[in-house]
């Protein structure tokens, strides 16, 4: 996937007089990928993508590009912005600001289908603005699963994850106890304390009646 920053750089090079091949080479792209990048950025700007149009009105393209760079779609992947707009119920992508996203927790996003990779992108974007997703411990099974993946990745890179694993286990214990209580509450009642087996003196009534009938038989 070609980043929006790379697409913007290709367009700027073309505006400056470079060929598509030269613009692509500067961004380590082949000619075909550079052409794709140019077409895509022009599509995002709602402007024609042919070279004659770009060279005829360079100021229009530069102004449109500067405006686009001020939007969240520039730093974030466009499909992710579209997904966030849907998940958060935004009327416009312009509403997706760092300050607004900082009011949302990771749990809320994960449980609305935002991947752990996208979540990391969002957190990095917020950190650039000295903000963060609203801090909150994992809540759901999905939260715990994704958090464990993150810890496993850090462990693979030789980070000391012992304290993180301890915190994870500490947070997971109340959840495990809660599941145990729910299981006990829904188990069928036997009329006996848990773990007690029936004694010889508490045989079912049907068995006692059967024994009495046998004793009185001729």
Foldseek 3Di string as FASTA:
>chain_A
DDALVLLLQLLVVLLVPDDLQVSQVVVPHHSVVSLVSQCVNCVVLVHDSDSVRCNVCVVSVVVSSVVVCVFPCRQAPPVLLVLCCVLVVNPDSRVPDLVVQQAAAPQSVVVSPQDPVSQVSNQVVSVVVVGGRDDDQDDDPSRLVSLVVVLVVCVVVVDPCVVVVVVSVVVCVVVVVVVVVVVVVPDDDPPDPPPDDDDPVCDDPVVVVVVVVVVPDD
